[in-house]
Structure formats: structure tokens, C-alpha cells
Amino acid sequence: MAVPKRKVSKARRDKRRSNVWKLSVPGITKCPKCGTYILSHRVCKNCGTYAGKEYISTEKAAKEA
């Protein structure tokens, strides 16, 4: 039968139970042009802009212009 050889210390037990292994929340920001939430340092899928420049022409952006 599997039985522990020694007592697991409180520090080792608590390290195992800690939140170190959990994933962090990705950096989500608002697009300065249209206001939708996007991942940082990526082109906005809604309006097609990044850093104030249009990189992707979208139907929505064409209708606005």
C-alpha cells in the first residue's frame, strides 16, 4: 500500500496549494478609436486600427468614412 514515508512539512504543503501555477489574466485594453476590448499590442478586429493607423480595411470602417 502507498503510505507516506515522512510527514509533509507545512511549507511544502502550502507551496503545493499556492496559486503559483494558475494562469494570469491577459492584458485587455479598450481600443482608443472604437472602444471595444482588445488584447494589447494587436490590431483591433472591429475597426482595423493599431497605434492610430489603419492596417485592416473593414466593412464597418468603410461605412464610417
PDB file of N, CA and C in Angstrom:
ATOM      1  N   MET A   1       0.837  -1.183   0.000  1.00  0.00           N
ATOM      2  CA  MET A   1       0.000   0.000   0.000  1.00  0.00           C
ATOM      3  C   MET A   1       0.879   1.243   0.000  1.00  0.00           C
ATOM      4  N   ALA A   2       0.397   2.288  -0.635  1.00  0.00           N
ATOM      5  CA  ALA A   2       1.152   3.532  -0.703  1.00  0.00           C
ATOM      6  C   ALA A   2       0.920   4.351   0.559  1.00  0.00           C
ATOM      7  N   VAL A   3       1.990   4.456   1.341  1.00  0.00           N
ATOM      8  CA  VAL A   3       1.927   5.207   2.591  1.00  0.00           C
ATOM      9  C   VAL A   3       3.082   6.206   2.589  1.00  0.00           C
ATOM     10  N   PRO A   4       2.850   7.464   3.002  1.00  0.00           N
ATOM     11  CA  PRO A   4       3.935   8.442   3.030  1.00  0.00           C
ATOM     12  C   PRO A   4       5.075   8.004   3.953  1.00  0.00           C
ATOM     13  N   LYS A   5       6.311   8.161   3.480  1.00  0.00           N
ATOM     14  CA  LYS A   5       7.487   7.776   4.263  1.00  0.00           C
ATOM     15  C   LYS A   5       7.715   8.759   5.412  1.00  0.00           C
ATOM     16  N   ARG A   6       7.518  10.077   5.122  1.00  0.00           N
ATOM     17  CA  ARG A   6       7.730  11.108   6.137  1.00  0.00           C
ATOM     18  C   ARG A   6       6.584  12.111   6.106  1.00  0.00           C
ATOM     19  N   LYS A   7       6.474  12.866   7.174  1.00  0.00           N
ATOM     20  CA  LYS A   7       5.466  13.917   7.258  1.00  0.00           C
ATOM     21  C   LYS A   7       5.802  15.030   6.263  1.00  0.00           C
ATOM     22  N   VAL A   8       4.802  15.522   5.547  1.00  0.00           N
ATOM     23  CA  VAL A   8       4.988  16.640   4.633  1.00  0.00           C
ATOM     24  C   VAL A   8       4.931  17.918   5.454  1.00  0.00           C
ATOM     25  N   SER A   9       5.982  18.736   5.357  1.00  0.00           N
ATOM     26  CA  SER A   9       6.048  19.965   6.151  1.00  0.00           C
ATOM     27  C   SER A   9       4.968  20.952   5.711  1.00  0.00           C
ATOM     28  N   LYS A  10       4.671  21.899   6.590  1.00  0.00           N
ATOM     29  CA  LYS A  10       3.648  22.907   6.279  1.00  0.00           C
ATOM     30  C   LYS A  10       4.067  23.755   5.082  1.00  0.00           C
ATOM     31  N   ALA A  11       5.351  24.082   4.996  1.00  0.00           N
ATOM     32  CA  ALA A  11       5.842  24.910   3.896  1.00  0.00           C
ATOM     33  C   ALA A  11       5.686  24.181   2.561  1.00  0.00           C
ATOM     34  N   ARG A  12       6.049  22.916   2.518  1.00  0.00           N
ATOM     35  CA  ARG A  12       5.937  22.143   1.286  1.00  0.00           C
ATOM     36  C   ARG A  12       4.475  21.955   0.897  1.00  0.00           C
ATOM     37  N   ARG A  13       3.640  21.684   1.876  1.00  0.00           N
ATOM     38  CA  ARG A  13       2.208  21.518   1.625  1.00  0.00           C
ATOM     39  C   ARG A  13       1.600  22.808   1.077  1.00  0.00           C
ATOM     40  N   ASP A  14       1.959  23.954   1.697  1.00  0.00           N
ATOM     41  CA  ASP A  14       1.391  25.228   1.292  1.00  0.00           C
ATOM     42  C   ASP A  14       1.915  25.688  -0.071  1.00  0.00           C
ATOM     43  N   LYS A  15       3.168  25.333  -0.394  1.00  0.00           N
ATOM     44  CA  LYS A  15       3.700  25.639  -1.712  1.00  0.00           C
ATOM     45  C   LYS A  15       2.896  24.917  -2.791  1.00  0.00           C
ATOM     46  N   ARG A  16       2.543  23.698  -2.508  1.00  0.00           N
ATOM     47  CA  ARG A  16       1.776  22.908  -3.455  1.00  0.00           C
ATOM     48  C   ARG A  16       0.366  23.486  -3.637  1.00  0.00           C
ATOM     49  N   ARG A  17      -0.201  24.006  -2.587  1.00  0.00           N
ATOM     50  CA  ARG A  17      -1.556  24.546  -2.635  1.00  0.00           C
ATOM     51  C   ARG A  17      -1.615  26.003  -3.089  1.00  0.00           C
ATOM     52  N   SER A  18      -0.466  26.625  -3.275  1.00  0.00           N
ATOM     53  CA  SER A  18      -0.437  28.054  -3.606  1.00  0.00           C
ATOM     54  C   SER A  18      -0.970  28.305  -5.009  1.00  0.00           C
ATOM     55  N   ASN A  19      -1.109  29.571  -5.341  1.00  0.00           N
ATOM     56  CA  ASN A  19      -1.660  29.958  -6.631  1.00  0.00           C
ATOM     57  C   ASN A  19      -0.588  30.210  -7.675  1.00  0.00           C
ATOM     58  N   VAL A  20       0.597  29.699  -7.505  1.00  0.00           N
ATOM     59  CA  VAL A  20       1.700  29.949  -8.425  1.00  0.00           C
ATOM     60  C   VAL A  20       1.404  29.361  -9.801  1.00  0.00           C
ATOM     61  N   TRP A  21       0.739  28.241  -9.848  1.00  0.00           N
ATOM     62  CA  TRP A  21       0.541  27.518 -11.101  1.00  0.00           C
ATOM     63  C   TRP A  21      -0.628  28.029 -11.917  1.00  0.00           C
ATOM     64  N   LYS A  22      -1.455  28.923 -11.353  1.00  0.00           N
ATOM     65  CA  LYS A  22      -2.639  29.373 -12.070  1.00  0.00           C
ATOM     66  C   LYS A  22      -2.272  30.377 -13.159  1.00  0.00           C
ATOM     67  N   LEU A  23      -3.078  30.404 -14.220  1.00  0.00           N
ATOM     68  CA  LEU A  23      -2.845  31.315 -15.328  1.00  0.00           C
ATOM     69  C   LEU A  23      -3.215  32.734 -14.940  1.00  0.00           C
ATOM     70  N   SER A  24      -2.518  33.695 -15.528  1.00  0.00           N
ATOM     71  CA  SER A  24      -2.827  35.094 -15.262  1.00  0.00           C
ATOM     72  C   SER A  24      -3.781  35.622 -16.335  1.00  0.00           C
ATOM     73  N   VAL A  25      -4.446  36.706 -16.028  1.00  0.00           N
ATOM     74  CA  VAL A  25      -5.393  37.316 -16.954  1.00  0.00           C
ATOM     75  C   VAL A  25      -4.616  38.035 -18.052  1.00  0.00           C
ATOM     76  N   PRO A  26      -4.996  37.863 -19.325  1.00  0.00           N
ATOM     77  CA  PRO A  26      -4.284  38.567 -20.386  1.00  0.00           C
ATOM     78  C   PRO A  26      -4.549  40.066 -20.324  1.00  0.00           C
ATOM     79  N   GLY A  27      -3.618  40.853 -20.869  1.00  0.00           N
ATOM     80  CA  GLY A  27      -3.752  42.310 -20.841  1.00  0.00           C
ATOM     81  C   GLY A  27      -4.793  42.782 -21.834  1.00  0.00           C
ATOM     82  N   ILE A  28      -5.978  43.099 -21.345  1.00  0.00           N
ATOM     83  CA  ILE A  28      -7.062  43.561 -22.208  1.00  0.00           C
ATOM     84  C   ILE A  28      -7.225  45.064 -22.021  1.00  0.00           C
ATOM     85  N   THR A  29      -7.271  45.789 -23.135  1.00  0.00           N
ATOM     86  CA  THR A  29      -7.439  47.243 -23.099  1.00  0.00           C
ATOM     87  C   THR A  29      -8.572  47.642 -24.034  1.00  0.00           C
ATOM     88  N   LYS A  30      -8.990  48.900 -23.929  1.00  0.00           N
ATOM     89  CA  LYS A  30     -10.013  49.426 -24.830  1.00  0.00           C
ATOM     90  C   LYS A  30      -9.345  50.040 -26.049  1.00  0.00           C
ATOM     91  N   CYS A  31      -9.946  49.822 -27.185  1.00  0.00           N
ATOM     92  CA  CYS A  31      -9.465  50.437 -28.423  1.00  0.00           C
ATOM     93  C   CYS A  31      -9.732  51.938 -28.327  1.00  0.00           C
ATOM     94  N   PRO A  32      -8.732  52.781 -28.568  1.00  0.00           N
ATOM     95  CA  PRO A  32      -8.955  54.221 -28.442  1.00  0.00           C
ATOM     96  C   PRO A  32      -9.906  54.786 -29.497  1.00  0.00           C
ATOM     97  N   LYS A  33     -10.057  54.112 -30.632  1.00  0.00           N
ATOM     98  CA  LYS A  33     -10.915  54.621 -31.699  1.00  0.00           C
ATOM     99  C   LYS A  33     -12.376  54.195 -31.520  1.00  0.00           C
ATOM    100  N   CYS A  34     -12.605  52.875 -31.353  1.00  0.00           N
ATOM    101  CA  CYS A  34     -13.995  52.403 -31.322  1.00  0.00           C
ATOM    102  C   CYS A  34     -14.466  51.988 -29.928  1.00  0.00           C
ATOM    103  N   GLY A  35     -13.544  51.746 -28.994  1.00  0.00           N
ATOM    104  CA  GLY A  35     -13.925  51.448 -27.616  1.00  0.00           C
ATOM    105  C   GLY A  35     -14.168  49.990 -27.294  1.00  0.00           C
ATOM    106  N   THR A  36     -13.958  49.080 -28.246  1.00  0.00           N
ATOM    107  CA  THR A  36     -14.134  47.658 -27.945  1.00  0.00           C
ATOM    108  C   THR A  36     -12.908  47.145 -27.208  1.00  0.00           C
ATOM    109  N   TYR A  37     -13.076  46.066 -26.462  1.00  0.00           N
ATOM    110  CA  TYR A  37     -11.969  45.476 -25.723  1.00  0.00           C
ATOM    111  C   TYR A  37     -11.137  44.588 -26.646  1.00  0.00           C
ATOM    112  N   ILE A  38      -9.811  44.810 -26.620  1.00  0.00           N
ATOM    113  CA  ILE A  38      -8.882  44.043 -27.459  1.00  0.00           C
ATOM    114  C   ILE A  38      -7.668  43.656 -26.625  1.00  0.00           C
ATOM    115  N   LEU A  39      -6.902  42.682 -27.093  1.00  0.00           N
ATOM    116  CA  LEU A  39      -5.637  42.330 -26.460  1.00  0.00           C
ATOM    117  C   LEU A  39      -4.612  43.414 -26.787  1.00  0.00           C
ATOM    118  N   SER A  40      -3.726  43.698 -25.843  1.00  0.00           N
ATOM    119  CA  SER A  40      -2.729  44.749 -26.028  1.00  0.00           C
ATOM    120  C   SER A  40      -1.788  44.413 -27.176  1.00  0.00           C
ATOM    121  N   HIS A  41      -1.327  45.417 -27.870  1.00  0.00           N
ATOM    122  CA  HIS A  41      -0.341  45.315 -28.952  1.00  0.00           C
ATOM    123  C   HIS A  41      -0.840  44.466 -30.112  1.00  0.00           C
ATOM    124  N   ARG A  42      -2.138  44.572 -30.404  1.00  0.00           N
ATOM    125  CA  ARG A  42      -2.707  43.855 -31.533  1.00  0.00           C
ATOM    126  C   ARG A  42      -3.672  44.772 -32.287  1.00  0.00           C
ATOM    127  N   VAL A  43      -3.898  44.468 -33.553  1.00  0.00           N
ATOM    128  CA  VAL A  43      -4.812  45.248 -34.375  1.00  0.00           C
ATOM    129  C   VAL A  43      -6.236  44.981 -33.900  1.00  0.00           C
ATOM    130  N   CYS A  44      -7.031  46.034 -33.820  1.00  0.00           N
ATOM    131  CA  CYS A  44      -8.434  45.907 -33.421  1.00  0.00           C
ATOM    132  C   CYS A  44      -9.204  45.233 -34.552  1.00  0.00           C
ATOM    133  N   LYS A  45      -9.939  44.169 -34.228  1.00  0.00           N
ATOM    134  CA  LYS A  45     -10.704  43.458 -35.254  1.00  0.00           C
ATOM    135  C   LYS A  45     -11.962  44.222 -35.655  1.00  0.00           C
ATOM    136  N   ASN A  46     -12.401  45.108 -34.792  1.00  0.00           N
ATOM    137  CA  ASN A  46     -13.629  45.846 -35.069  1.00  0.00           C
ATOM    138  C   ASN A  46     -13.401  46.986 -36.068  1.00  0.00           C
ATOM    139  N   CYS A  47     -12.372  47.801 -35.821  1.00  0.00           N
ATOM    140  CA  CYS A  47     -12.136  48.951 -36.704  1.00  0.00           C
ATOM    141  C   CYS A  47     -10.866  48.824 -37.535  1.00  0.00           C
ATOM    142  N   GLY A  48      -9.980  47.858 -37.227  1.00  0.00           N
ATOM    143  CA  GLY A  48      -8.787  47.622 -38.045  1.00  0.00           C
ATOM    144  C   GLY A  48      -7.641  48.570 -37.791  1.00  0.00           C
ATOM    145  N   THR A  49      -7.614  49.259 -36.634  1.00  0.00           N
ATOM    146  CA  THR A  49      -6.541  50.211 -36.361  1.00  0.00           C
ATOM    147  C   THR A  49      -5.598  49.681 -35.290  1.00  0.00           C
ATOM    148  N   TYR A  50      -4.379  50.188 -35.330  1.00  0.00           N
ATOM    149  CA  TYR A  50      -3.375  49.905 -34.297  1.00  0.00           C
ATOM    150  C   TYR A  50      -2.463  51.114 -34.222  1.00  0.00           C
ATOM    151  N   ALA A  51      -2.280  51.649 -33.035  1.00  0.00           N
ATOM    152  CA  ALA A  51      -1.423  52.806 -32.780  1.00  0.00           C
ATOM    153  C   ALA A  51      -1.809  54.005 -33.655  1.00  0.00           C
ATOM    154  N   GLY A  52      -3.118  54.192 -33.847  1.00  0.00           N
ATOM    155  CA  GLY A  52      -3.598  55.344 -34.590  1.00  0.00           C
ATOM    156  C   GLY A  52      -3.572  55.215 -36.100  1.00  0.00           C
ATOM    157  N   LYS A  53      -3.130  54.084 -36.635  1.00  0.00           N
ATOM    158  CA  LYS A  53      -3.082  53.877 -38.079  1.00  0.00           C
ATOM    159  C   LYS A  53      -4.004  52.721 -38.460  1.00  0.00           C
ATOM    160  N   GLU A  54      -4.599  52.814 -39.639  1.00  0.00           N
ATOM    161  CA  GLU A  54      -5.476  51.746 -40.111  1.00  0.00           C
ATOM    162  C   GLU A  54      -4.646  50.713 -40.861  1.00  0.00           C
ATOM    163  N   TYR A  55      -4.693  49.483 -40.402  1.00  0.00           N
ATOM    164  CA  TYR A  55      -3.937  48.403 -41.020  1.00  0.00           C
ATOM    165  C   TYR A  55      -4.831  47.432 -41.777  1.00  0.00           C
ATOM    166  N   ILE A  56      -6.081  47.284 -41.336  1.00  0.00           N
ATOM    167  CA  ILE A  56      -7.023  46.387 -41.984  1.00  0.00           C
ATOM    168  C   ILE A  56      -8.252  47.210 -42.358  1.00  0.00           C
ATOM    169  N   SER A  57      -8.607  47.169 -43.633  1.00  0.00           N
ATOM    170  CA  SER A  57      -9.829  47.877 -44.023  1.00  0.00           C
ATOM    171  C   SER A  57     -11.005  46.936 -43.812  1.00  0.00           C
ATOM    172  N   THR A  58     -11.929  47.343 -42.957  1.00  0.00           N
ATOM    173  CA  THR A  58     -13.099  46.528 -42.662  1.00  0.00           C
ATOM    174  C   THR A  58     -14.338  47.181 -43.245  1.00  0.00           C
ATOM    175  N   GLU A  59     -15.412  46.416 -43.366  1.00  0.00           N
ATOM    176  CA  GLU A  59     -16.660  46.956 -43.904  1.00  0.00           C
ATOM    177  C   GLU A  59     -17.200  48.055 -42.980  1.00  0.00           C
ATOM    178  N   LYS A  60     -17.064  47.829 -41.682  1.00  0.00           N
ATOM    179  CA  LYS A  60     -17.556  48.806 -40.709  1.00  0.00           C
ATOM    180  C   LYS A  60     -16.772  50.121 -40.826  1.00  0.00           C
ATOM    181  N   ALA A  61     -15.449  50.011 -41.013  1.00  0.00           N
ATOM    182  CA  ALA A  61     -14.617  51.204 -41.134  1.00  0.00           C
ATOM    183  C   ALA A  61     -14.934  51.925 -42.458  1.00  0.00           C
ATOM    184  N   ALA A  62     -15.253  51.178 -43.507  1.00  0.00           N
ATOM    185  CA  ALA A  62     -15.571  51.778 -44.783  1.00  0.00           C
ATOM    186  C   ALA A  62     -16.899  52.544 -44.719  1.00  0.00           C
ATOM    187  N   LYS A  63     -17.861  52.012 -43.964  1.00  0.00           N
ATOM    188  CA  LYS A  63     -19.160  52.671 -43.803  1.00  0.00           C
ATOM    189  C   LYS A  63     -19.034  53.974 -43.005  1.00  0.00           C
ATOM    190  N   GLU A  64     -18.129  53.983 -42.008  1.00  0.00           N
ATOM    191  CA  GLU A  64     -17.930  55.162 -41.174  1.00  0.00           C
ATOM    192  C   GLU A  64     -17.293  56.310 -41.952  1.00  0.00           C
ATOM    193  N   ALA A  65     -16.427  55.983 -42.902  1.00  0.00           N
ATOM    194  CA  ALA A  65     -15.677  57.015 -43.648  1.00  0.00           C
ATOM    195  C   ALA A  65     -16.479  57.659 -44.739  1.00  0.00           C
TER     196      ALA A  65
END
